[in-house]
Protein backbone atom coordinates (compact mmCIF):
# COMPACT_ATOMS: atom_id res chain seq x y z
CA MET A 1 3.55 30.68 3.66
CA ASP A 2 4.44 30.47 7.25
CA VAL A 3 2.70 29.14 9.99
CA PRO A 4 2.64 31.78 12.72
CA ARG A 5 5.54 32.15 14.76
CA ARG A 6 3.93 31.83 18.03
CA ALA A 7 1.89 28.50 17.13
CA LEU A 8 5.24 27.04 15.28
CA ALA A 9 7.38 27.70 18.34
CA MET A 10 4.83 25.76 20.83
CA LEU A 11 4.59 22.94 18.27
CA GLN A 12 8.45 22.85 18.01
CA PHE A 13 8.41 22.79 21.95
CA ALA A 14 5.52 20.15 22.44
CA LEU A 15 7.07 17.74 19.72
CA LEU A 16 10.50 18.27 21.51
CA SER A 17 9.00 17.61 24.89
CA VAL A 18 6.99 14.44 23.59
CA SER A 19 10.38 13.36 21.87
CA LEU A 20 12.49 13.50 24.92
CA HIS A 21 9.98 11.76 27.20
CA ALA A 22 9.80 9.02 24.62
CA ALA A 23 13.76 8.66 24.15
CA GLY A 24 13.79 8.28 28.40
CA ALA A 25 11.30 5.72 28.30
CA THR A 26 12.49 3.27 25.69
CA ALA A 27 12.00 0.68 28.49
CA SER A 28 8.29 1.60 29.53
CA PRO A 29 5.44 -0.49 28.10
CA PRO A 30 4.49 -0.58 24.42
CA ALA A 31 1.15 1.69 25.29
CA ASP A 32 3.45 4.38 26.41
CA GLN A 33 5.48 4.52 22.88
CA VAL A 34 1.91 4.58 21.34
CA ARG A 35 0.58 7.40 23.01
CA ALA A 36 3.68 9.28 22.41
CA ALA A 37 3.37 8.47 18.65
CA ARG A 38 0.04 9.63 18.45
CA ALA A 39 0.84 13.02 20.35
CA GLY A 40 3.48 13.44 17.47
CA LEU A 41 0.84 12.82 15.11
CA ALA A 42 -1.68 15.14 16.13
CA LEU A 43 1.00 17.86 16.03
CA ALA A 44 2.13 17.16 12.66
CA LYS A 45 -1.38 17.03 11.53
CA ALA A 46 -2.07 20.49 13.21
CA TYR A 47 0.96 21.96 11.50
CA PHE A 48 0.13 20.96 7.94
CA VAL A 49 -3.50 22.03 8.50
CA SER A 50 -2.02 25.38 9.29
CA ALA A 51 -0.11 25.46 5.83
CA ALA A 52 -2.60 24.38 4.12
CA SER A 53 -5.20 27.16 5.20
CA PRO A 54 -7.27 28.83 2.58
CA ASP A 55 -6.38 32.24 4.10
CA ASP A 56 -2.94 32.26 2.85
CA SER A 57 -2.38 34.19 -0.63
CA GLY A 58 0.07 33.46 -2.89
CA VAL A 59 0.25 29.90 -2.36
CA GLY A 60 0.09 27.55 -5.37
CA ARG A 61 -2.32 24.78 -5.67
CA GLU A 62 0.42 22.22 -5.88
CA ALA A 63 1.62 23.34 -2.47
CA VAL A 64 -1.62 23.05 -0.84
CA ALA A 65 -2.40 19.84 -2.37
CA ALA A 66 0.64 18.53 -0.75
CA TRP A 67 0.15 19.90 2.66
CA ARG A 68 -3.37 18.52 2.65
CA ASP A 69 -1.89 15.13 1.67
CA CYS A 70 0.25 15.42 4.68
CA ALA A 71 -2.63 16.39 7.30
CA ARG A 72 -4.90 13.40 5.70
CA LEU A 73 -2.22 11.08 6.20
CA TYR A 74 -1.33 11.85 9.68
CA GLU A 75 -5.15 11.70 10.50
CA ASP A 76 -5.42 8.51 9.34
CA CYS A 77 -2.56 7.20 11.21
CA GLY A 78 -3.93 8.90 14.22
CA SER A 79 -6.75 7.12 14.22
CA ARG A 80 -5.39 3.63 13.76
CA LEU A 81 -3.28 4.29 16.84
CA ARG A 82 -6.40 5.42 18.56
CA ARG A 83 -7.79 2.09 17.79
CA LEU A 84 -4.77 0.47 18.90
CA ALA A 85 -4.49 2.08 22.24
CA ALA A 86 -8.15 1.45 22.68
CA GLY A 87 -7.60 -2.36 22.23
CA GLY A 88 -8.28 -2.40 18.43
CA GLY A 89 -5.05 -4.31 17.84
CA ARG A 90 -5.09 -7.18 19.92
CA SER A 91 -2.14 -8.90 18.55
CA ILE A 92 1.27 -7.94 17.92
CA PRO A 93 0.93 -8.08 14.16
CA GLU A 94 -1.85 -5.80 14.29
CA ALA A 95 0.34 -3.64 15.95
CA ARG A 96 3.50 -3.60 13.98
CA THR A 97 1.35 -3.45 10.70
CA TRP A 98 -0.38 -0.19 12.17
CA LEU A 99 2.81 1.34 13.25
CA SER A 100 4.53 0.41 9.91
CA GLY A 101 1.76 2.19 8.13
CA ALA A 102 2.44 5.44 10.23
CA VAL A 103 5.75 5.13 9.75
CA THR A 104 5.29 4.71 5.70
CA SER A 105 2.55 7.66 5.91
CA HIS A 106 5.25 10.15 7.21
CA ARG A 107 7.60 9.17 4.58
CA THR A 108 4.90 9.68 2.03
CA CYS A 109 4.50 13.22 3.43
CA MET A 110 8.10 14.13 3.00
CA ASP A 111 8.43 12.65 -0.68
CA GLY A 112 5.42 14.54 -1.78
CA LEU A 113 6.85 17.77 -0.44
CA LEU A 114 10.18 16.96 -2.07
CA GLU A 115 8.42 16.12 -5.45
CA GLN A 116 6.32 19.53 -5.51
CA GLY A 117 9.65 21.07 -4.62
CA LEU A 118 8.62 22.57 -0.99
CA PRO A 119 10.50 23.41 1.93
CA PRO A 120 10.54 20.41 4.53
CA PRO A 121 8.74 20.96 7.69
CA PRO A 122 10.73 22.26 10.75
CA VAL A 123 13.27 19.46 11.73
CA GLN A 124 11.87 19.31 14.93
CA LEU A 125 8.76 17.80 13.27
CA ALA A 126 10.51 15.78 10.67
CA GLU A 127 13.42 14.02 12.67
CA ASN A 128 11.41 13.79 16.19
CA LEU A 129 8.45 12.56 14.65
CA THR A 130 10.52 9.91 12.62
CA SER A 131 12.09 9.00 16.31
CA LEU A 132 8.63 8.55 17.90
CA LEU A 133 7.31 6.34 15.41
CA THR A 134 10.00 4.13 15.18
CA THR A 135 10.61 3.79 19.09
CA ALA A 136 6.84 2.78 19.36
CA LEU A 137 7.60 0.25 16.44
CA MET A 138 10.62 -1.35 17.99
CA ALA A 139 8.71 -1.66 21.43
CA TYR A 140 6.69 -4.31 19.35
CA HIS A 141 9.67 -6.08 17.36
CA GLU A 142 10.03 -9.49 18.38
CA LYS A 143 13.51 -11.39 18.10
CA ASP A 144 13.78 -15.16 18.26
CA GLY A 145 15.88 -17.44 20.85
CA SER A 146 19.24 -16.65 18.81
CA GLY A 147 18.52 -12.70 18.98
CA GLU A 148 17.98 -12.75 15.12
CA ASP A 149 15.16 -10.56 13.78
CA LEU A 150 12.08 -12.42 12.89
CA MET A 151 11.30 -11.79 9.07
CA VAL A 152 7.74 -11.36 9.54
CA ASN A 153 5.16 -11.72 12.39
CA CYS A 154 3.97 -15.48 11.95
CA SER A 155 0.54 -15.64 13.29
CA SER A 156 1.50 -18.36 15.77
CA ARG A 157 3.68 -15.99 17.64
CA GLY A 158 1.67 -12.83 17.64
CA GLY A 159 -1.59 -14.16 17.34
CA ALA A 160 -4.05 -13.73 14.37
CA PRO A 161 -5.47 -10.24 13.18
CA ASP A 162 -8.78 -9.50 15.07
CA VAL A 163 -10.99 -9.30 12.19
CA THR A 164 -14.17 -8.97 13.99
CA GLU A 165 -12.61 -5.45 15.16
CA ALA A 166 -11.48 -4.77 11.95
CA HIS A 167 -14.33 -5.77 10.28
CA GLY A 168 -16.57 -3.85 12.28
CA GLY A 169 -18.40 -6.59 14.55
CA ASN A 170 -19.67 -9.73 13.81
CA SER A 171 -17.90 -10.92 10.86
CA THR A 172 -19.57 -13.96 9.87
CA ILE A 173 -22.14 -12.01 8.02
CA PHE A 174 -19.54 -11.38 5.37
CA ASP A 175 -18.69 -15.24 4.77
CA GLY A 176 -18.10 -15.55 1.15
CA LEU A 177 -20.10 -12.38 -0.07
CA LEU A 178 -17.07 -11.32 -2.43
CA THR A 179 -17.24 -14.46 -4.71
CA ALA A 180 -21.05 -15.38 -4.00
CA TRP A 181 -22.36 -11.89 -5.16
CA ASP A 182 -24.37 -11.70 -8.09
CA PRO A 183 -26.16 -8.67 -9.48
CA SER A 184 -28.89 -11.14 -10.91
CA SER A 185 -29.88 -12.72 -7.77
CA TRP A 186 -28.55 -10.18 -4.77
CA LYS A 187 -29.44 -6.86 -4.25
CA ALA A 188 -26.69 -4.02 -3.91
CA ASP A 189 -26.83 -1.34 -1.41
CA ILE A 190 -25.87 1.25 -3.99
CA VAL A 191 -25.77 0.83 -7.75
CA VAL A 192 -23.77 3.18 -10.05
CA ALA A 193 -24.44 3.13 -13.71
CA LYS A 194 -22.99 5.65 -16.20
CA ASP A 195 -26.12 5.34 -18.25
CA GLY A 196 -28.58 6.81 -15.24
CA SER A 197 -29.85 3.44 -14.65
CA GLY A 198 -28.63 3.22 -11.32
CA GLY A 199 -29.18 5.40 -8.22
CA TYR A 200 -25.88 7.38 -8.91
CA GLN A 201 -24.07 8.05 -12.08
CA THR A 202 -20.71 8.31 -10.52
CA ILE A 203 -18.63 6.50 -7.80
CA ASN A 204 -17.82 9.75 -6.27
CA ASP A 205 -21.26 10.76 -6.08
CA ALA A 206 -22.23 7.14 -4.12
CA LEU A 207 -19.63 7.43 -1.58
CA ALA A 208 -20.52 11.37 -0.90
CA ALA A 209 -24.14 10.02 0.04
CA LEU A 210 -22.53 7.07 2.14
CA SER A 211 -20.49 9.58 4.17
CA HIS A 212 -23.45 11.12 4.97
CA GLN A 213 -25.30 8.09 6.42
CA ARG A 214 -25.28 6.57 9.62
CA ARG A 215 -23.60 2.68 9.02
CA ARG A 216 -23.59 0.31 11.79
CA GLN A 217 -19.95 -0.72 12.55
CA ASN A 218 -20.68 -4.19 11.22
CA GLN A 219 -22.34 -3.35 8.25
CA ARG A 220 -20.45 -4.41 5.05
CA THR A 221 -21.99 -2.09 2.35
CA VAL A 222 -21.95 -3.30 -1.47
CA ILE A 223 -21.62 -1.08 -4.34
CA TYR A 224 -22.34 -2.25 -7.84
CA VAL A 225 -20.62 -0.68 -10.49
CA LYS A 226 -22.52 -1.57 -13.94
CA ALA A 227 -20.33 -1.60 -17.07
CA GLY A 228 -19.00 1.61 -18.22
CA VAL A 229 -16.12 3.84 -18.59
CA TYR A 230 -16.00 6.12 -15.26
CA SER A 231 -13.47 9.06 -15.89
CA GLU A 232 -13.05 10.13 -12.24
CA ASN A 233 -10.69 10.53 -9.31
CA VAL A 234 -11.98 8.44 -6.54
CA GLU A 235 -11.07 8.60 -2.88
CA VAL A 236 -12.64 5.83 -0.25
CA GLY A 237 -11.73 7.55 2.80
CA ARG A 238 -10.90 5.94 6.21
CA THR A 239 -14.34 6.27 7.47
CA LEU A 240 -15.66 4.37 4.95
CA ARG A 241 -15.03 0.79 6.41
CA ASN A 242 -16.08 -2.61 4.77
CA MET A 243 -16.85 -1.11 1.54
CA MET A 244 -17.27 -3.80 -1.41
CA LEU A 245 -16.97 -2.74 -4.91
CA VAL A 246 -18.14 -5.29 -7.49
CA GLY A 247 -18.17 -4.38 -11.18
CA ASP A 248 -18.97 -6.36 -14.34
CA GLY A 249 -15.89 -7.54 -15.15
CA ILE A 250 -12.05 -6.42 -16.24
CA ASP A 251 -12.57 -4.21 -19.49
CA LYS A 252 -16.03 -3.96 -18.64
CA THR A 253 -16.31 -1.48 -15.55
CA THR A 254 -13.36 0.68 -15.45
CA VAL A 255 -12.38 3.66 -13.55
CA THR A 256 -9.93 5.81 -15.41
CA GLY A 257 -7.80 9.13 -14.76
CA SER A 258 -4.83 10.62 -15.94
CA ARG A 259 -3.20 12.55 -13.02
CA SER A 260 0.71 12.43 -12.92
CA VAL A 261 3.67 13.95 -10.67
CA PRO A 262 4.68 16.40 -13.76
CA ASP A 263 0.99 17.54 -13.89
CA GLY A 264 1.27 18.97 -10.37
CA TYR A 265 0.23 16.03 -8.01
CA THR A 266 2.13 14.15 -5.77
CA THR A 267 2.59 10.06 -6.18
CA TYR A 268 0.20 9.68 -3.64
CA SER A 269 -2.60 11.90 -4.74
CA SER A 270 -1.97 11.39 -8.61
CA SER A 271 -4.06 7.89 -7.75
CA THR A 272 -7.24 7.17 -10.34
CA PHE A 273 -8.43 5.12 -7.07
CA GLY A 274 -7.50 5.63 -4.05
CA VAL A 275 -8.74 3.50 -0.56
CA SER A 276 -8.05 4.18 2.91
CA GLY A 277 -10.85 2.55 4.76
CA ASP A 278 -9.93 -0.66 6.15
CA GLY A 279 -11.65 -4.29 5.05
CA PHE A 280 -12.18 -2.87 1.19
CA TRP A 281 -12.69 -5.43 -1.28
CA ALA A 282 -12.94 -5.29 -4.94
CA ARG A 283 -14.12 -7.40 -7.45
CA ASP A 284 -14.32 -7.61 -11.30
CA MET A 285 -13.19 -3.80 -11.72
CA THR A 286 -10.70 -2.30 -13.80
CA PHE A 287 -8.36 0.69 -12.42
CA GLU A 288 -6.22 2.43 -15.03
CA ASN A 289 -4.15 5.71 -15.48
CA THR A 290 -3.72 6.63 -18.98
CA ALA A 291 -1.05 9.60 -18.43
CA GLY A 292 1.24 7.49 -20.35
CA PRO A 293 5.24 6.55 -20.15
CA GLY A 294 6.32 10.23 -20.75
CA LYS A 295 4.32 11.66 -17.43
CA HIS A 296 6.33 9.31 -14.88
CA GLN A 297 4.74 8.58 -11.81
CA ALA A 298 1.25 8.12 -12.61
CA VAL A 299 -0.82 5.83 -10.21
CA ALA A 300 -3.78 3.73 -11.38
CA LEU A 301 -4.59 2.22 -7.51
CA ARG A 302 -3.37 3.44 -4.46
CA ALA A 303 -4.31 1.21 -1.16
CA SER A 304 -3.78 1.93 2.06
CA SER A 305 -6.58 -0.21 3.50
CA ASP A 306 -5.76 -3.15 6.15
CA LEU A 307 -7.02 -6.25 5.32
CA ALA A 308 -7.97 -5.30 1.63
CA VAL A 309 -8.92 -8.03 -0.91
CA PHE A 310 -8.95 -7.31 -4.66
CA TYR A 311 -10.25 -10.05 -6.88
CA ARG A 312 -10.03 -10.37 -10.53
CA CYS A 313 -9.28 -6.92 -11.21
CA SER A 314 -6.98 -5.08 -13.49
CA PHE A 315 -4.51 -2.20 -12.88
CA ARG A 316 -3.16 -0.47 -15.80
CA GLY A 317 -0.67 2.06 -16.25
CA TYR A 318 3.00 2.64 -16.91
CA GLN A 319 5.34 4.03 -14.36
CA ASP A 320 3.82 3.41 -10.53
CA THR A 321 0.69 1.72 -11.71
CA LEU A 322 -0.13 -0.18 -8.31
CA PHE A 323 0.77 1.38 -5.05
CA ALA A 324 0.35 -0.72 -2.41
CA HIS A 325 1.23 1.68 -0.17
CA SER A 326 0.64 0.38 3.37
CA GLN A 327 -1.16 -2.25 5.81
CA ARG A 328 -1.96 -5.74 4.40
CA GLN A 329 -3.17 -6.52 1.30
CA PHE A 330 -4.09 -9.50 -0.84
CA TYR A 331 -4.36 -9.76 -4.56
CA ARG A 332 -5.96 -12.96 -6.33
CA ASP A 333 -6.51 -13.46 -9.87
CA CYS A 334 -5.18 -9.73 -10.85
CA ASP A 335 -3.44 -8.02 -13.91
CA VAL A 336 -0.96 -5.66 -13.26
CA TYR A 337 0.18 -3.65 -16.29
CA GLY A 338 3.40 -1.32 -16.35
CA THR A 339 7.12 -0.38 -17.06
CA VAL A 340 8.98 1.13 -14.21
CA ASP A 341 8.48 0.62 -10.56
CA PHE A 342 5.10 -0.50 -11.34
CA ILE A 343 4.51 -2.41 -8.35
CA PHE A 344 5.74 -0.47 -5.28
CA GLY A 345 5.23 0.82 -1.79
CA ASN A 346 5.30 -0.30 1.78
CA ALA A 347 2.24 -2.66 2.36
CA ALA A 348 2.68 -6.31 3.36
CA ALA A 349 1.08 -7.33 0.40
CA VAL A 350 0.49 -10.78 -1.33
CA LEU A 351 -0.11 -11.25 -5.28
CA GLN A 352 -1.23 -14.76 -5.68
CA ASN A 353 -2.17 -16.33 -9.47
CA CYS A 354 -1.78 -12.72 -10.95
CA ASN A 355 -0.56 -11.75 -14.25
CA ILE A 356 2.06 -9.12 -13.79
CA TYR A 357 2.43 -7.72 -17.84
CA VAL A 358 5.51 -5.59 -18.67
CA ARG A 359 4.84 -3.07 -21.41
CA ARG A 360 6.96 -1.26 -23.65
CA PRO A 361 9.22 1.47 -21.84
CA LEU A 362 10.37 4.57 -23.26
CA GLY A 363 13.55 4.32 -25.38
CA HIS A 364 15.94 5.11 -22.74
CA GLN A 365 14.22 3.07 -19.75
CA SER A 366 14.61 -0.19 -18.44
CA ASN A 367 11.59 -2.01 -17.02
CA MET A 368 11.50 -2.44 -13.11
CA ILE A 369 8.57 -4.59 -11.83
CA THR A 370 9.09 -3.79 -8.06
CA ALA A 371 10.51 -1.03 -5.95
CA GLN A 372 9.51 -1.87 -2.56
CA GLY A 373 9.62 0.79 0.31
CA ARG A 374 10.81 -0.76 3.69
CA GLY A 375 12.75 1.89 5.46
CA SER A 376 14.03 0.24 8.38
CA PRO A 377 14.46 -3.52 9.87
CA TYR A 378 11.25 -3.23 12.15
CA GLU A 379 8.77 -2.45 9.54
CA ALA A 380 6.45 -5.51 8.96
CA THR A 381 5.94 -5.02 5.01
CA GLY A 382 7.12 -6.59 1.83
CA THR A 383 5.91 -7.58 -1.26
CA SER A 384 5.35 -11.53 -2.27
CA ILE A 385 4.38 -12.59 -5.52
CA HIS A 386 3.44 -16.44 -5.08
CA ARG A 387 2.54 -18.81 -8.11
CA SER A 388 2.23 -15.98 -10.54
CA ARG A 389 3.26 -15.20 -14.19
CA VAL A 390 5.89 -12.34 -15.41
CA LEU A 391 4.70 -11.99 -18.99
CA PRO A 392 5.30 -9.45 -22.03
CA ALA A 393 2.15 -7.24 -22.63
CA PRO A 394 1.25 -7.27 -26.28
CA ASP A 395 3.01 -3.96 -26.89
CA PHE A 396 6.19 -5.56 -25.81
CA GLN A 397 6.38 -8.83 -26.99
CA GLY A 398 8.16 -8.27 -30.09
CA ALA A 399 10.41 -5.64 -28.51
CA LYS A 400 11.51 -7.48 -25.11
CA GLN A 401 15.30 -8.06 -26.44
CA SER A 402 15.65 -4.74 -26.97
CA PHE A 403 15.21 -3.43 -23.26
CA SER A 404 16.13 -4.60 -19.83
CA SER A 405 13.71 -5.83 -17.41
CA PHE A 406 14.39 -6.60 -14.18
CA LEU A 407 12.14 -7.93 -11.32
CA GLY A 408 12.95 -5.15 -9.00
CA ARG A 409 15.20 -2.18 -7.43
CA PRO A 410 15.73 -1.02 -3.85
CA TRP A 411 13.45 2.20 -3.25
CA GLN A 412 14.35 2.17 0.44
CA LYS A 413 17.20 0.79 2.30
CA TYR A 414 15.20 -2.40 3.76
CA SER A 415 13.75 -3.02 0.59
CA ARG A 416 12.03 -6.57 0.88
CA VAL A 417 10.61 -8.82 -2.38
CA VAL A 418 10.21 -12.46 -3.07
CA PHE A 419 9.07 -14.29 -6.00
CA MET A 420 7.70 -17.94 -5.53
CA GLU A 421 6.84 -20.53 -7.31
CA THR A 422 6.26 -18.29 -10.15
CA GLU A 423 6.67 -18.26 -13.91
CA LEU A 424 9.38 -15.78 -15.28
CA ASP A 425 9.22 -15.05 -18.91
CA GLY A 426 12.79 -14.60 -20.65
CA LEU A 427 12.47 -11.15 -20.55
CA VAL A 428 13.79 -10.99 -17.02
CA ASN A 429 17.69 -10.09 -17.27
CA PRO A 430 19.76 -12.92 -16.29
CA LYS A 431 20.97 -10.51 -13.15
CA GLY A 432 17.27 -10.43 -12.01
CA TRP A 433 17.37 -7.35 -9.99
CA ALA A 434 18.94 -3.69 -10.23
CA GLU A 435 20.70 -1.29 -8.30
CA TRP A 436 18.56 1.83 -7.33
CA SER A 437 21.82 4.29 -7.11
CA GLY A 438 25.48 2.65 -6.66
CA ASP A 439 25.66 0.05 -3.77
CA PHE A 440 22.61 1.76 -1.74
CA ALA A 441 20.83 -0.59 -0.18
CA LEU A 442 22.55 -4.06 -1.64
CA ASP A 443 23.81 -5.19 1.94
CA THR A 444 20.78 -4.45 3.42
CA LEU A 445 17.47 -5.28 1.22
CA TYR A 446 16.19 -8.84 1.31
CA TYR A 447 15.30 -9.96 -2.33
CA GLY A 448 14.45 -13.75 -2.46
CA GLU A 449 14.02 -16.24 -5.34
CA TYR A 450 12.29 -19.60 -4.66
CA MET A 451 11.40 -22.29 -7.32
CA ASN A 452 10.67 -20.25 -10.14
CA THR A 453 10.34 -21.46 -13.37
CA GLY A 454 10.30 -20.24 -17.30
CA ASP A 455 12.89 -18.87 -19.40
CA GLY A 456 13.97 -16.15 -16.76
CA GLY A 457 13.39 -18.30 -13.56
CA ALA A 458 17.25 -19.36 -13.57
CA THR A 459 19.45 -18.34 -10.55
CA ALA A 460 22.66 -19.11 -12.14
CA GLY A 461 23.49 -15.38 -13.38
CA ARG A 462 21.82 -13.48 -10.55
CA VAL A 463 23.51 -10.50 -8.56
CA ASN A 464 25.64 -11.52 -5.88
CA TRP A 465 24.29 -9.15 -3.40
CA ARG A 466 24.66 -9.83 0.39
CA GLY A 467 20.84 -9.04 0.33
CA PHE A 468 19.78 -11.48 -2.25
CA HIS A 469 18.91 -15.17 -1.23
CA VAL A 470 18.19 -17.97 -3.43
CA LEU A 471 15.57 -19.77 -1.33
CA LYS A 472 16.07 -23.66 -1.56
CA GLU A 473 13.94 -24.97 1.36
CA THR A 474 10.24 -24.37 2.49
CA GLY A 475 11.15 -23.29 5.73
CA GLU A 476 13.03 -20.42 4.00
CA ALA A 477 10.10 -19.40 1.89
CA SER A 478 7.25 -20.21 4.09
CA PRO A 479 7.73 -16.86 6.04
CA PHE A 480 6.40 -15.03 3.20
CA THR A 481 3.28 -17.14 2.61
CA VAL A 482 -0.51 -15.80 3.01
CA GLY A 483 -0.65 -17.38 6.48
CA SER A 484 2.31 -16.01 7.77
CA PHE A 485 3.29 -13.09 6.15
CA ILE A 486 -0.14 -11.35 6.33
CA GLN A 487 -2.09 -13.79 8.66
CA GLY A 488 -4.66 -14.02 5.97
CA GLU A 489 -6.00 -17.61 6.87
CA ALA A 490 -8.79 -15.84 8.73
CA TRP A 491 -9.65 -12.56 7.22
CA ILE A 492 -9.17 -13.44 3.35
CA ARG A 493 -11.44 -16.62 4.05
CA LEU A 494 -14.15 -14.28 5.13
CA SER A 495 -14.44 -12.79 1.48
CA GLY A 496 -14.57 -16.37 -0.41
CA VAL A 497 -11.74 -15.53 -2.45
CA PRO A 498 -9.65 -18.67 -3.23
CA PHE A 499 -6.22 -18.91 -1.81
CA TRP A 500 -2.91 -20.95 -1.04
CA GLY A 501 -1.89 -20.54 2.90
CA GLY A 502 1.32 -22.04 2.40
CA LEU A 503 3.45 -23.23 -0.29
């Protein structure tokens, strides 16, 4: 498949022109950099929309799906940057979050093409768009008085996220709703029931109906999903903001699928449940991918929603279970099951009071809990696991001494993960962390451990990489708390979900 040569030539010229303009204006205001990045994203979207045109013959389903993934990713990023340019992102943390998400989505597109064995887009698109997005992100980059990189955007410097804009208006109407809502005394906007006792029998049908309804920007929509097993792959698109999904409990309301990369999907599109609409909340749900360990990348949940909250949910899979893809996310009282890289992605994500269950891998595999995807020092992303528990799943309890299990490995050059005040079972290898490939990223990653306990919590035998840190003071660990790392004091409180803002 070839995009018509004239269109491709125009695209390449436009991208080059925009890139050169941005390169010559690196000292210009951040707004100019955002405009240049938006132009690049629009052109990239146009390229992949053309690539995925149904008029092309002889193109495989896998190729078209990968190109459509890219087009959707660029559209989602462009939408956020339009909001940023219009004043939607009123704080530096918000701007850096959305721009970090754009960089992540571009990388996700390139990864998907590689997974499907497809040729990359023209160099002018891939490299120039990377440059445009990175330049825009750098424009919001802060340094402290000594010139050292601020590890995170503390709200005291950048301002709290604009929760009223992100949640669409008067946010006070949402206060405490996620924890307070009760199907016996509250009426849901939509009821999904497998047995036909609700308005819809599938979640997809409910979302399709919502997409055709006019909704107020400040409206939170409550979808009650009654107990049952829902075999469907669900996508909550970017226009469906402020969705609240409530089930009847872990293992009672389950969304299940079995997509995987070997079956022709990208990692991104293999998810059983994917969400891009901002302000997404979920409670008392199970999301699972049953492809099994032999199918490798097979995502249960993929979250690209900013200010997302998951409360009392379970994520079950093997490799790549929980894809915390991008934006700011909070997981409380959740269970995560997996084997290889099963908490991964490039969101700014905090997991609190969660159970992380390591399952039995294939005979030749080692378990890797995290694989964080931060690709540059400017990205306001990382994974913080706070006051949680790393435990063997029932199928692994008797075999845990026969396999090596690690806290993580660096998927990208600036991978950033911390475990704080967390109970680590003895299944954790004394080294703690594993290499991805040779010495890749060992000097540039940031891995930290603070006051962990349990048989696997001792740090005496840990790796001696330059990027690994044993955090001994609260000042070293506090940047990775809910209050600092994801500016969660304001927006998580709206949901009513309990959280620790600090250590």
